[in-house]
Amino acid sequence: RFITRVGMPFKAADIRSLAGRRIGFVKNTSHQAFLEKYYDR
């Protein structure tokens, strides 16, 4: 799951909506592998 702060201007978690956005993940996890595969923008 993606989570964000209340009031942020984007309302969706698709690749286009999160392009250029700062996304955090825990190093050396399967979540990192997912993000690097699909959210490299």
PDB file of all heavy atoms in Angstrom:
ATOM      1  N   ARG A   1       0.829  -1.204   0.000  1.00  0.00           N
ATOM      2  CA  ARG A   1       0.000   0.000   0.000  1.00  0.00           C
ATOM      3  C   ARG A   1       0.867   1.259   0.000  1.00  0.00           C
ATOM      4  O   ARG A   1       1.882   1.344   0.696  1.00  0.00           O
ATOM      5  CB  ARG A   1      -0.897   0.022   1.241  1.00  0.00           C
ATOM      6  CG  ARG A   1      -1.971   1.109   1.164  1.00  0.00           C
ATOM      7  CD  ARG A   1      -2.751   1.264   2.450  1.00  0.00           C
ATOM      8  NE  ARG A   1      -3.519   0.122   2.887  1.00  0.00           N
ATOM      9  CZ  ARG A   1      -4.661  -0.287   2.334  1.00  0.00           C
ATOM     10  NH1 ARG A   1      -5.121   0.325   1.258  1.00  0.00           N
ATOM     11  NH2 ARG A   1      -5.319  -1.303   2.848  1.00  0.00           N
ATOM     12  N   PHE A   2       0.431   2.233  -0.808  1.00  0.00           N
ATOM     13  CA  PHE A   2       1.004   3.570  -0.737  1.00  0.00           C
ATOM     14  C   PHE A   2       0.239   4.367   0.307  1.00  0.00           C
ATOM     15  O   PHE A   2      -0.995   4.263   0.407  1.00  0.00           O
ATOM     16  CB  PHE A   2       0.874   4.296  -2.084  1.00  0.00           C
ATOM     17  CG  PHE A   2       1.804   3.817  -3.153  1.00  0.00           C
ATOM     18  CD1 PHE A   2       1.388   2.873  -4.084  1.00  0.00           C
ATOM     19  CD2 PHE A   2       3.097   4.311  -3.239  1.00  0.00           C
ATOM     20  CE1 PHE A   2       2.247   2.432  -5.087  1.00  0.00           C
ATOM     21  CE2 PHE A   2       3.964   3.881  -4.234  1.00  0.00           C
ATOM     22  CZ  PHE A   2       3.537   2.938  -5.159  1.00  0.00           C
ATOM     23  N   ILE A   3       0.950   5.159   1.093  1.00  0.00           N
ATOM     24  CA  ILE A   3       0.293   6.103   1.998  1.00  0.00           C
ATOM     25  C   ILE A   3       0.911   7.474   1.787  1.00  0.00           C
ATOM     26  O   ILE A   3       2.052   7.601   1.314  1.00  0.00           O
ATOM     27  CB  ILE A   3       0.420   5.672   3.476  1.00  0.00           C
ATOM     28  CG1 ILE A   3       1.887   5.573   3.908  1.00  0.00           C
ATOM     29  CG2 ILE A   3      -0.289   4.354   3.710  1.00  0.00           C
ATOM     30  CD1 ILE A   3       2.059   5.271   5.395  1.00  0.00           C
ATOM     31  N   THR A   4       0.157   8.506   2.123  1.00  0.00           N
ATOM     32  CA  THR A   4       0.621   9.874   1.930  1.00  0.00           C
ATOM     33  C   THR A   4       0.058  10.763   3.022  1.00  0.00           C
ATOM     34  O   THR A   4      -0.784  10.320   3.820  1.00  0.00           O
ATOM     35  CB  THR A   4       0.198  10.391   0.541  1.00  0.00           C
ATOM     36  OG1 THR A   4       0.835  11.638   0.280  1.00  0.00           O
ATOM     37  CG2 THR A   4      -1.321  10.567   0.450  1.00  0.00           C
ATOM     38  N   ARG A   5       0.491  12.008   3.081  1.00  0.00           N
ATOM     39  CA  ARG A   5      -0.012  12.930   4.091  1.00  0.00           C
ATOM     40  C   ARG A   5      -1.386  13.458   3.700  1.00  0.00           C
ATOM     41  O   ARG A   5      -1.706  13.582   2.512  1.00  0.00           O
ATOM     42  CB  ARG A   5       0.953  14.107   4.295  1.00  0.00           C
ATOM     43  CG  ARG A   5       2.254  13.718   4.967  1.00  0.00           C
ATOM     44  CD  ARG A   5       3.086  14.945   5.352  1.00  0.00           C
ATOM     45  NE  ARG A   5       3.261  15.861   4.245  1.00  0.00           N
ATOM     46  CZ  ARG A   5       4.090  15.665   3.235  1.00  0.00           C
ATOM     47  NH1 ARG A   5       4.805  14.543   3.179  1.00  0.00           N
ATOM     48  NH2 ARG A   5       4.203  16.545   2.267  1.00  0.00           N
ATOM     49  N   VAL A   6      -2.151  13.801   4.690  1.00  0.00           N
ATOM     50  CA  VAL A   6      -3.462  14.395   4.465  1.00  0.00           C
ATOM     51  C   VAL A   6      -3.279  15.715   3.714  1.00  0.00           C
ATOM     52  O   VAL A   6      -2.398  16.518   4.036  1.00  0.00           O
ATOM     53  CB  VAL A   6      -4.180  14.645   5.801  1.00  0.00           C
ATOM     54  CG1 VAL A   6      -5.499  15.391   5.576  1.00  0.00           C
ATOM     55  CG2 VAL A   6      -4.423  13.334   6.534  1.00  0.00           C
ATOM     56  N   GLY A   7      -4.089  15.927   2.674  1.00  0.00           N
ATOM     57  CA  GLY A   7      -4.055  17.189   1.948  1.00  0.00           C
ATOM     58  C   GLY A   7      -3.100  17.264   0.781  1.00  0.00           C
ATOM     59  O   GLY A   7      -2.992  18.309   0.141  1.00  0.00           O
ATOM     60  N   MET A   8      -2.403  16.177   0.481  1.00  0.00           N
ATOM     61  CA  MET A   8      -1.502  16.190  -0.675  1.00  0.00           C
ATOM     62  C   MET A   8      -2.321  16.341  -1.960  1.00  0.00           C
ATOM     63  O   MET A   8      -3.458  15.867  -2.049  1.00  0.00           O
ATOM     64  CB  MET A   8      -0.662  14.921  -0.702  1.00  0.00           C
ATOM     65  CG  MET A   8       0.378  14.855   0.407  1.00  0.00           C
ATOM     66  SD  MET A   8       1.650  16.145   0.272  1.00  0.00           S
ATOM     67  CE  MET A   8       2.695  15.450  -1.007  1.00  0.00           C
ATOM     68  N   PRO A   9      -1.756  16.993  -2.991  1.00  0.00           N
ATOM     69  CA  PRO A   9      -2.535  17.323  -4.187  1.00  0.00           C
ATOM     70  C   PRO A   9      -2.860  16.143  -5.093  1.00  0.00           C
ATOM     71  O   PRO A   9      -3.726  16.254  -5.952  1.00  0.00           O
ATOM     72  CB  PRO A   9      -1.631  18.334  -4.919  1.00  0.00           C
ATOM     73  CG  PRO A   9      -0.254  18.001  -4.463  1.00  0.00           C
ATOM     74  CD  PRO A   9      -0.403  17.576  -3.027  1.00  0.00           C
ATOM     75  N   PHE A  10      -2.169  15.015  -4.950  1.00  0.00           N
ATOM     76  CA  PHE A  10      -2.460  13.863  -5.808  1.00  0.00           C
ATOM     77  C   PHE A  10      -3.342  12.886  -5.038  1.00  0.00           C
ATOM     78  O   PHE A  10      -3.202  12.718  -3.831  1.00  0.00           O
ATOM     79  CB  PHE A  10      -1.173  13.189  -6.286  1.00  0.00           C
ATOM     80  CG  PHE A  10      -0.195  12.884  -5.189  1.00  0.00           C
ATOM     81  CD1 PHE A  10      -0.214  11.671  -4.521  1.00  0.00           C
ATOM     82  CD2 PHE A  10       0.749  13.835  -4.810  1.00  0.00           C
ATOM     83  CE1 PHE A  10       0.687  11.393  -3.514  1.00  0.00           C
ATOM     84  CE2 PHE A  10       1.658  13.559  -3.805  1.00  0.00           C
ATOM     85  CZ  PHE A  10       1.619  12.346  -3.148  1.00  0.00           C
ATOM     86  N   LYS A  11      -4.267  12.250  -5.743  1.00  0.00           N
ATOM     87  CA  LYS A  11      -5.250  11.385  -5.091  1.00  0.00           C
ATOM     88  C   LYS A  11      -5.182   9.938  -5.559  1.00  0.00           C
ATOM     89  O   LYS A  11      -5.982   9.111  -5.122  1.00  0.00           O
ATOM     90  CB  LYS A  11      -6.672  11.924  -5.358  1.00  0.00           C
ATOM     91  CG  LYS A  11      -6.874  13.362  -4.911  1.00  0.00           C
ATOM     92  CD  LYS A  11      -6.660  13.536  -3.416  1.00  0.00           C
ATOM     93  CE  LYS A  11      -6.877  14.973  -2.974  1.00  0.00           C
ATOM     94  NZ  LYS A  11      -6.571  15.171  -1.534  1.00  0.00           N
ATOM     95  N   ALA A  12      -4.245   9.621  -6.447  1.00  0.00           N
ATOM     96  CA  ALA A  12      -4.148   8.265  -6.969  1.00  0.00           C
ATOM     97  C   ALA A  12      -2.719   7.766  -6.847  1.00  0.00           C
ATOM     98  O   ALA A  12      -1.782   8.549  -6.701  1.00  0.00           O
ATOM     99  CB  ALA A  12      -4.604   8.229  -8.424  1.00  0.00           C
ATOM    100  N   ALA A  13      -2.573   6.440  -6.928  1.00  0.00           N
ATOM    101  CA  ALA A  13      -1.259   5.828  -6.764  1.00  0.00           C
ATOM    102  C   ALA A  13      -0.762   5.194  -8.057  1.00  0.00           C
ATOM    103  O   ALA A  13       0.108   4.329  -8.031  1.00  0.00           O
ATOM    104  CB  ALA A  13      -1.304   4.781  -5.660  1.00  0.00           C
ATOM    105  N   ASP A  14      -1.290   5.624  -9.190  1.00  0.00           N
ATOM    106  CA  ASP A  14      -0.822   5.067 -10.453  1.00  0.00           C
ATOM    107  C   ASP A  14       0.529   5.666 -10.827  1.00  0.00           C
ATOM    108  O   ASP A  14       0.989   6.653 -10.237  1.00  0.00           O
ATOM    109  CB  ASP A  14      -1.845   5.321 -11.566  1.00  0.00           C
ATOM    110  CG  ASP A  14      -2.118   6.803 -11.755  1.00  0.00           C
ATOM    111  OD1 ASP A  14      -2.961   7.344 -11.011  1.00  0.00           O
ATOM    112  OD2 ASP A  14      -1.465   7.423 -12.615  1.00  0.00           O
ATOM    113  N   ILE A  15       1.178   5.065 -11.802  1.00  0.00           N
ATOM    114  CA  ILE A  15       2.535   5.464 -12.189  1.00  0.00           C
ATOM    115  C   ILE A  15       2.591   6.918 -12.610  1.00  0.00           C
ATOM    116  O   ILE A  15       3.518   7.658 -12.241  1.00  0.00           O
ATOM    117  CB  ILE A  15       3.042   4.545 -13.318  1.00  0.00           C
ATOM    118  CG1 ILE A  15       3.184   3.109 -12.789  1.00  0.00           C
ATOM    119  CG2 ILE A  15       4.368   5.046 -13.870  1.00  0.00           C
ATOM    120  CD1 ILE A  15       3.482   2.088 -13.867  1.00  0.00           C
ATOM    121  N   ARG A  16       1.613   7.368 -13.387  1.00  0.00           N
ATOM    122  CA  ARG A  16       1.619   8.746 -13.873  1.00  0.00           C
ATOM    123  C   ARG A  16       1.439   9.742 -12.728  1.00  0.00           C
ATOM    124  O   ARG A  16       2.141  10.753 -12.657  1.00  0.00           O
ATOM    125  CB  ARG A  16       0.517   8.952 -14.917  1.00  0.00           C
ATOM    126  CG  ARG A  16       0.436  10.372 -15.463  1.00  0.00           C
ATOM    127  CD  ARG A  16      -0.647  10.511 -16.520  1.00  0.00           C
ATOM    128  NE  ARG A  16      -0.343   9.698 -17.696  1.00  0.00           N
ATOM    129  CZ  ARG A  16      -1.123   9.647 -18.780  1.00  0.00           C
ATOM    130  NH1 ARG A  16      -2.262  10.314 -18.801  1.00  0.00           N
ATOM    131  NH2 ARG A  16      -0.771   8.901 -19.798  1.00  0.00           N
ATOM    132  N   SER A  17       0.508   9.455 -11.810  1.00  0.00           N
ATOM    133  CA  SER A  17       0.243  10.395 -10.713  1.00  0.00           C
ATOM    134  C   SER A  17       1.451  10.562  -9.797  1.00  0.00           C
ATOM    135  O   SER A  17       1.660  11.638  -9.227  1.00  0.00           O
ATOM    136  CB  SER A  17      -0.956   9.913  -9.886  1.00  0.00           C
ATOM    137  OG  SER A  17      -2.135   9.891 -10.650  1.00  0.00           O
ATOM    138  N   LEU A  18       2.256   9.522  -9.665  1.00  0.00           N
ATOM    139  CA  LEU A  18       3.391   9.574  -8.750  1.00  0.00           C
ATOM    140  C   LEU A  18       4.724   9.840  -9.457  1.00  0.00           C
ATOM    141  O   LEU A  18       5.776   9.817  -8.815  1.00  0.00           O
ATOM    142  CB  LEU A  18       3.484   8.279  -7.953  1.00  0.00           C
ATOM    143  CG  LEU A  18       2.324   8.025  -6.975  1.00  0.00           C
ATOM    144  CD1 LEU A  18       2.532   6.726  -6.204  1.00  0.00           C
ATOM    145  CD2 LEU A  18       2.164   9.184  -5.993  1.00  0.00           C
ATOM    146  N   ALA A  19       4.681  10.107 -10.741  1.00  0.00           N
ATOM    147  CA  ALA A  19       5.906  10.436 -11.467  1.00  0.00           C
ATOM    148  C   ALA A  19       6.542  11.685 -10.868  1.00  0.00           C
ATOM    149  O   ALA A  19       5.874  12.703 -10.671  1.00  0.00           O
ATOM    150  CB  ALA A  19       5.610  10.641 -12.951  1.00  0.00           C
ATOM    151  N   GLY A  20       7.835  11.628 -10.567  1.00  0.00           N
ATOM    152  CA  GLY A  20       8.545  12.764  -9.985  1.00  0.00           C
ATOM    153  C   GLY A  20       8.345  12.938  -8.495  1.00  0.00           C
ATOM    154  O   GLY A  20       9.040  13.756  -7.873  1.00  0.00           O
ATOM    155  N   ARG A  21       7.454  12.195  -7.905  1.00  0.00           N
ATOM    156  CA  ARG A  21       7.185  12.312  -6.464  1.00  0.00           C
ATOM    157  C   ARG A  21       8.220  11.519  -5.662  1.00  0.00           C
ATOM    158  O   ARG A  21       8.749  10.508  -6.116  1.00  0.00           O
ATOM    159  CB  ARG A  21       5.782  11.790  -6.134  1.00  0.00           C
ATOM    160  CG  ARG A  21       4.661  12.545  -6.834  1.00  0.00           C
ATOM    161  CD  ARG A  21       4.513  13.946  -6.291  1.00  0.00           C
ATOM    162  NE  ARG A  21       3.395  14.653  -6.923  1.00  0.00           N
ATOM    163  CZ  ARG A  21       3.028  15.893  -6.599  1.00  0.00           C
ATOM    164  NH1 ARG A  21       3.680  16.549  -5.651  1.00  0.00           N
ATOM    165  NH2 ARG A  21       2.015  16.466  -7.214  1.00  0.00           N
ATOM    166  N   ARG A  22       8.486  11.968  -4.453  1.00  0.00           N
ATOM    167  CA  ARG A  22       9.442  11.300  -3.565  1.00  0.00           C
ATOM    168  C   ARG A  22       8.732  10.151  -2.834  1.00  0.00           C
ATOM    169  O   ARG A  22       7.853  10.394  -2.015  1.00  0.00           O
ATOM    170  CB  ARG A  22      10.002  12.299  -2.549  1.00  0.00           C
ATOM    171  CG  ARG A  22      10.721  13.499  -3.169  1.00  0.00           C
ATOM    172  CD  ARG A  22      10.931  14.586  -2.129  1.00  0.00           C
ATOM    173  NE  ARG A  22       9.649  15.060  -1.616  1.00  0.00           N
ATOM    174  CZ  ARG A  22       9.519  15.854  -0.546  1.00  0.00           C
ATOM    175  NH1 ARG A  22      10.593  16.249   0.122  1.00  0.00           N
ATOM    176  NH2 ARG A  22       8.319  16.231  -0.147  1.00  0.00           N
ATOM    177  N   ILE A  23       9.144   8.933  -3.156  1.00  0.00           N
ATOM    178  CA  ILE A  23       8.514   7.754  -2.569  1.00  0.00           C
ATOM    179  C   ILE A  23       9.537   7.015  -1.708  1.00  0.00           C
ATOM    180  O   ILE A  23      10.650   6.734  -2.149  1.00  0.00           O
ATOM    181  CB  ILE A  23       7.981   6.800  -3.647  1.00  0.00           C
ATOM    182  CG1 ILE A  23       6.977   7.521  -4.552  1.00  0.00           C
ATOM    183  CG2 ILE A  23       7.323   5.573  -3.002  1.00  0.00           C
ATOM    184  CD1 ILE A  23       6.482   6.660  -5.702  1.00  0.00           C
ATOM    185  N   GLY A  24       9.149   6.675  -0.492  1.00  0.00           N
ATOM    186  CA  GLY A  24      10.023   5.962   0.418  1.00  0.00           C
ATOM    187  C   GLY A  24       9.770   4.467   0.415  1.00  0.00           C
ATOM    188  O   GLY A  24       8.637   4.018   0.193  1.00  0.00           O
ATOM    189  N   PHE A  25      10.834   3.701   0.653  1.00  0.00           N
ATOM    190  CA  PHE A  25      10.726   2.256   0.792  1.00  0.00           C
ATOM    191  C   PHE A  25      11.831   1.783   1.731  1.00  0.00           C
ATOM    192  O   PHE A  25      12.815   2.492   1.975  1.00  0.00           O
ATOM    193  CB  PHE A  25      10.863   1.554  -0.566  1.00  0.00           C
ATOM    194  CG  PHE A  25      12.206   1.771  -1.227  1.00  0.00           C
ATOM    195  CD1 PHE A  25      13.279   0.935  -0.966  1.00  0.00           C
ATOM    196  CD2 PHE A  25      12.387   2.826  -2.113  1.00  0.00           C
ATOM    197  CE1 PHE A  25      14.511   1.136  -1.566  1.00  0.00           C
ATOM    198  CE2 PHE A  25      13.623   3.040  -2.717  1.00  0.00           C
ATOM    199  CZ  PHE A  25      14.691   2.196  -2.443  1.00  0.00           C
ATOM    200  N   VAL A  26      11.656   0.584   2.282  1.00  0.00           N
ATOM    201  CA  VAL A  26      12.683  -0.003   3.136  1.00  0.00           C
ATOM    202  C   VAL A  26      13.667  -0.755   2.253  1.00  0.00           C
ATOM    203  O   VAL A  26      13.272  -1.559   1.401  1.00  0.00           O
ATOM    204  CB  VAL A  26      12.070  -0.939   4.190  1.00  0.00           C
ATOM    205  CG1 VAL A  26      13.167  -1.621   5.003  1.00  0.00           C
ATOM    206  CG2 VAL A  26      11.153  -0.141   5.118  1.00  0.00           C
ATOM    207  N   LYS A  27      14.943  -0.493   2.471  1.00  0.00           N
ATOM    208  CA  LYS A  27      16.010  -1.046   1.642  1.00  0.00           C
ATOM    209  C   LYS A  27      16.042  -2.573   1.708  1.00  0.00           C
ATOM    210  O   LYS A  27      15.798  -3.171   2.748  1.00  0.00           O
ATOM    211  CB  LYS A  27      17.350  -0.474   2.110  1.00  0.00           C
ATOM    212  CG  LYS A  27      18.535  -0.822   1.213  1.00  0.00           C
ATOM    213  CD  LYS A  27      19.793  -0.138   1.715  1.00  0.00           C
ATOM    214  CE  LYS A  27      20.985  -0.452   0.824  1.00  0.00           C
ATOM    215  NZ  LYS A  27      22.219   0.229   1.312  1.00  0.00           N
ATOM    216  N   ASN A  28      16.334  -3.179   0.564  1.00  0.00           N
ATOM    217  CA  ASN A  28      16.507  -4.634   0.444  1.00  0.00           C
ATOM    218  C   ASN A  28      15.241  -5.411   0.776  1.00  0.00           C
ATOM    219  O   ASN A  28      15.295  -6.474   1.399  1.00  0.00           O
ATOM    220  CB  ASN A  28      17.660  -5.126   1.322  1.00  0.00           C
ATOM    221  CG  ASN A  28      18.999  -4.533   0.908  1.00  0.00           C
ATOM    222  OD1 ASN A  28      19.247  -4.317  -0.273  1.00  0.00           O
ATOM    223  ND2 ASN A  28      19.850  -4.264   1.879  1.00  0.00           N
ATOM    224  N   THR A  29      14.106  -4.878   0.375  1.00  0.00           N
ATOM    225  CA  THR A  29      12.832  -5.566   0.564  1.00  0.00           C
ATOM    226  C   THR A  29      12.177  -5.822  -0.787  1.00  0.00           C
ATOM    227  O   THR A  29      12.575  -5.271  -1.816  1.00  0.00           O
ATOM    228  CB  THR A  29      11.871  -4.727   1.413  1.00  0.00           C
ATOM    229  OG1 THR A  29      11.592  -3.488   0.728  1.00  0.00           O
ATOM    230  CG2 THR A  29      12.450  -4.435   2.788  1.00  0.00           C
ATOM    231  N   SER A  30      11.152  -6.659  -0.766  1.00  0.00           N
ATOM    232  CA  SER A  30      10.390  -6.920  -1.988  1.00  0.00           C
ATOM    233  C   SER A  30       9.646  -5.674  -2.454  1.00  0.00           C
ATOM    234  O   SER A  30       9.357  -5.528  -3.645  1.00  0.00           O
ATOM    235  CB  SER A  30       9.414  -8.072  -1.753  1.00  0.00           C
ATOM    236  OG  SER A  30       8.598  -7.822  -0.626  1.00  0.00           O
ATOM    237  N   HIS A  31       9.349  -4.764  -1.534  1.00  0.00           N
ATOM    238  CA  HIS A  31       8.685  -3.514  -1.927  1.00  0.00           C
ATOM    239  C   HIS A  31       9.623  -2.641  -2.750  1.00  0.00           C
ATOM    240  O   HIS A  31       9.188  -1.943  -3.674  1.00  0.00           O
ATOM    241  CB  HIS A  31       8.186  -2.781  -0.683  1.00  0.00           C
ATOM    242  CG  HIS A  31       7.206  -3.578   0.120  1.00  0.00           C
ATOM    243  ND1 HIS A  31       7.571  -4.302   1.219  1.00  0.00           N
ATOM    244  CD2 HIS A  31       5.877  -3.806  -0.062  1.00  0.00           C
ATOM    245  CE1 HIS A  31       6.510  -4.930   1.703  1.00  0.00           C
ATOM    246  NE2 HIS A  31       5.474  -4.658   0.940  1.00  0.00           N
ATOM    247  N   GLN A  32      10.901  -2.676  -2.450  1.00  0.00           N
ATOM    248  CA  GLN A  32      11.891  -1.971  -3.260  1.00  0.00           C
ATOM    249  C   GLN A  32      11.905  -2.539  -4.685  1.00  0.00           C
ATOM    250  O   GLN A  32      11.913  -1.787  -5.667  1.00  0.00           O
ATOM    251  CB  GLN A  32      13.287  -2.091  -2.643  1.00  0.00           C
ATOM    252  CG  GLN A  32      14.390  -1.501  -3.524  1.00  0.00           C
ATOM    253  CD  GLN A  32      15.779  -1.649  -2.915  1.00  0.00           C
ATOM    254  OE1 GLN A  32      15.920  -2.090  -1.776  1.00  0.00           O
ATOM    255  NE2 GLN A  32      16.799  -1.283  -3.668  1.00  0.00           N
ATOM    256  N   ALA A  33      11.899  -3.861  -4.804  1.00  0.00           N
ATOM    257  CA  ALA A  33      11.917  -4.493  -6.122  1.00  0.00           C
ATOM    258  C   ALA A  33      10.702  -4.079  -6.951  1.00  0.00           C
ATOM    259  O   ALA A  33      10.816  -3.815  -8.158  1.00  0.00           O
ATOM    260  CB  ALA A  33      11.963  -6.010  -5.965  1.00  0.00           C
ATOM    261  N   PHE A  34       9.539  -4.009  -6.310  1.00  0.00           N
ATOM    262  CA  PHE A  34       8.312  -3.605  -6.999  1.00  0.00           C
ATOM    263  C   PHE A  34       8.418  -2.171  -7.499  1.00  0.00           C
ATOM    264  O   PHE A  34       8.100  -1.877  -8.667  1.00  0.00           O
ATOM    265  CB  PHE A  34       7.126  -3.756  -6.048  1.00  0.00           C
ATOM    266  CG  PHE A  34       5.818  -3.266  -6.606  1.00  0.00           C
ATOM    267  CD1 PHE A  34       5.064  -4.069  -7.453  1.00  0.00           C
ATOM    268  CD2 PHE A  34       5.322  -2.006  -6.272  1.00  0.00           C
ATOM    269  CE1 PHE A  34       3.852  -3.624  -7.965  1.00  0.00           C
ATOM    270  CE2 PHE A  34       4.115  -1.559  -6.775  1.00  0.00           C
ATOM    271  CZ  PHE A  34       3.371  -2.368  -7.624  1.00  0.00           C
ATOM    272  N   LEU A  35       8.867  -1.262  -6.633  1.00  0.00           N
ATOM    273  CA  LEU A  35       8.977   0.141  -7.023  1.00  0.00           C
ATOM    274  C   LEU A  35       9.985   0.341  -8.141  1.00  0.00           C
ATOM    275  O   LEU A  35       9.744   1.113  -9.083  1.00  0.00           O
ATOM    276  CB  LEU A  35       9.371   0.991  -5.808  1.00  0.00           C
ATOM    277  CG  LEU A  35       8.305   1.176  -4.725  1.00  0.00           C
ATOM    278  CD1 LEU A  35       8.893   1.921  -3.540  1.00  0.00           C
ATOM    279  CD2 LEU A  35       7.081   1.914  -5.262  1.00  0.00           C
ATOM    280  N   GLU A  36      11.109  -0.314  -8.061  1.00  0.00           N
ATOM    281  CA  GLU A  36      12.138  -0.149  -9.088  1.00  0.00           C
ATOM    282  C   GLU A  36      11.681  -0.699 -10.435  1.00  0.00           C
ATOM    283  O   GLU A  36      12.120  -0.222 -11.485  1.00  0.00           O
ATOM    284  CB  GLU A  36      13.429  -0.830  -8.639  1.00  0.00           C
ATOM    285  CG  GLU A  36      14.100  -0.090  -7.478  1.00  0.00           C
ATOM    286  CD  GLU A  36      15.354  -0.784  -6.988  1.00  0.00           C
ATOM    287  OE1 GLU A  36      15.534  -1.980  -7.316  1.00  0.00           O
ATOM    288  OE2 GLU A  36      16.135  -0.142  -6.263  1.00  0.00           O
ATOM    289  N   LYS A  37      10.779  -1.667 -10.409  1.00  0.00           N
ATOM    290  CA  LYS A  37      10.266  -2.248 -11.648  1.00  0.00           C
ATOM    291  C   LYS A  37       9.203  -1.363 -12.300  1.00  0.00           C
ATOM    292  O   LYS A  37       9.198  -1.189 -13.521  1.00  0.00           O
ATOM    293  CB  LYS A  37       9.685  -3.627 -11.365  1.00  0.00           C
ATOM    294  CG  LYS A  37       9.170  -4.351 -12.607  1.00  0.00           C
ATOM    295  CD  LYS A  37       8.687  -5.744 -12.264  1.00  0.00           C
ATOM    296  CE  LYS A  37       8.190  -6.475 -13.505  1.00  0.00           C
ATOM    297  NZ  LYS A  37       7.728  -7.859 -13.169  1.00  0.00           N
ATOM    298  N   TYR A  38       8.324  -0.776 -11.482  1.00  0.00           N
ATOM    299  CA  TYR A  38       7.170  -0.072 -12.039  1.00  0.00           C
ATOM    300  C   TYR A  38       7.187   1.449 -11.835  1.00  0.00           C
ATOM    301  O   TYR A  38       6.543   2.173 -12.592  1.00  0.00           O
ATOM    302  CB  TYR A  38       5.873  -0.627 -11.435  1.00  0.00           C
ATOM    303  CG  TYR A  38       5.628  -2.073 -11.769  1.00  0.00           C
ATOM    304  CD1 TYR A  38       5.776  -3.064 -10.806  1.00  0.00           C
ATOM    305  CD2 TYR A  38       5.258  -2.461 -13.054  1.00  0.00           C
ATOM    306  CE1 TYR A  38       5.547  -4.398 -11.103  1.00  0.00           C
ATOM    307  CE2 TYR A  38       5.028  -3.793 -13.371  1.00  0.00           C
ATOM    308  CZ  TYR A  38       5.173  -4.758 -12.387  1.00  0.00           C
ATOM    309  OH  TYR A  38       4.945  -6.075 -12.691  1.00  0.00           O
ATOM    310  N   TYR A  39       7.888   1.944 -10.830  1.00  0.00           N
ATOM    311  CA  TYR A  39       7.829   3.369 -10.491  1.00  0.00           C
ATOM    312  C   TYR A  39       9.193   4.045 -10.648  1.00  0.00           C
ATOM    313  O   TYR A  39       9.568   4.905  -9.864  1.00  0.00           O
ATOM    314  CB  TYR A  39       7.307   3.543  -9.056  1.00  0.00           C
ATOM    315  CG  TYR A  39       5.814   3.280  -8.943  1.00  0.00           C
ATOM    316  CD1 TYR A  39       5.325   1.978  -8.862  1.00  0.00           C
ATOM    317  CD2 TYR A  39       4.899   4.333  -8.941  1.00  0.00           C
ATOM    318  CE1 TYR A  39       3.966   1.739  -8.787  1.00  0.00           C
ATOM    319  CE2 TYR A  39       3.532   4.096  -8.859  1.00  0.00           C
ATOM    320  CZ  TYR A  39       3.071   2.791  -8.786  1.00  0.00           C
ATOM    321  OH  TYR A  39       1.715   2.554  -8.708  1.00  0.00           O
ATOM    322  N   ASP A  40       9.904   3.684 -11.704  1.00  0.00           N
ATOM    323  CA  ASP A  40      11.231   4.256 -11.916  1.00  0.00           C
ATOM    324  C   ASP A  40      11.182   5.720 -12.359  1.00  0.00           C
ATOM    325  O   ASP A  40      12.214   6.399 -12.402  1.00  0.00           O
ATOM    326  CB  ASP A  40      12.025   3.429 -12.932  1.00  0.00           C
ATOM    327  CG  ASP A  40      11.318   3.278 -14.270  1.00  0.00           C
ATOM    328  OD1 ASP A  40      10.094   3.548 -14.334  1.00  0.00           O
ATOM    329  OD2 ASP A  40      11.978   2.895 -15.253  1.00  0.00           O
ATOM    330  N   ARG A  41      10.003   6.238 -12.661  1.00  0.00           N
ATOM    331  CA  ARG A  41       9.857   7.665 -12.981  1.00  0.00           C
ATOM    332  C   ARG A  41       9.681   8.515 -11.730  1.00  0.00           C
ATOM    333  O   ARG A  41       9.653   9.740 -11.804  1.00  0.00           O
ATOM    334  CB  ARG A  41       8.664   7.865 -13.923  1.00  0.00           C
ATOM    335  CG  ARG A  41       8.853   7.266 -15.312  1.00  0.00           C
ATOM    336  CD  ARG A  41       7.560   7.192 -16.080  1.00  0.00           C
ATOM    337  NE  ARG A  41       6.918   8.500 -16.189  1.00  0.00           N
ATOM    338  CZ  ARG A  41       5.670   8.676 -16.637  1.00  0.00           C
ATOM    339  NH1 ARG A  41       4.942   7.613 -17.013  1.00  0.00           N
ATOM    340  NH2 ARG A  41       5.150   9.884 -16.714  1.00  0.00           N
TER     341      ARG A  41
END
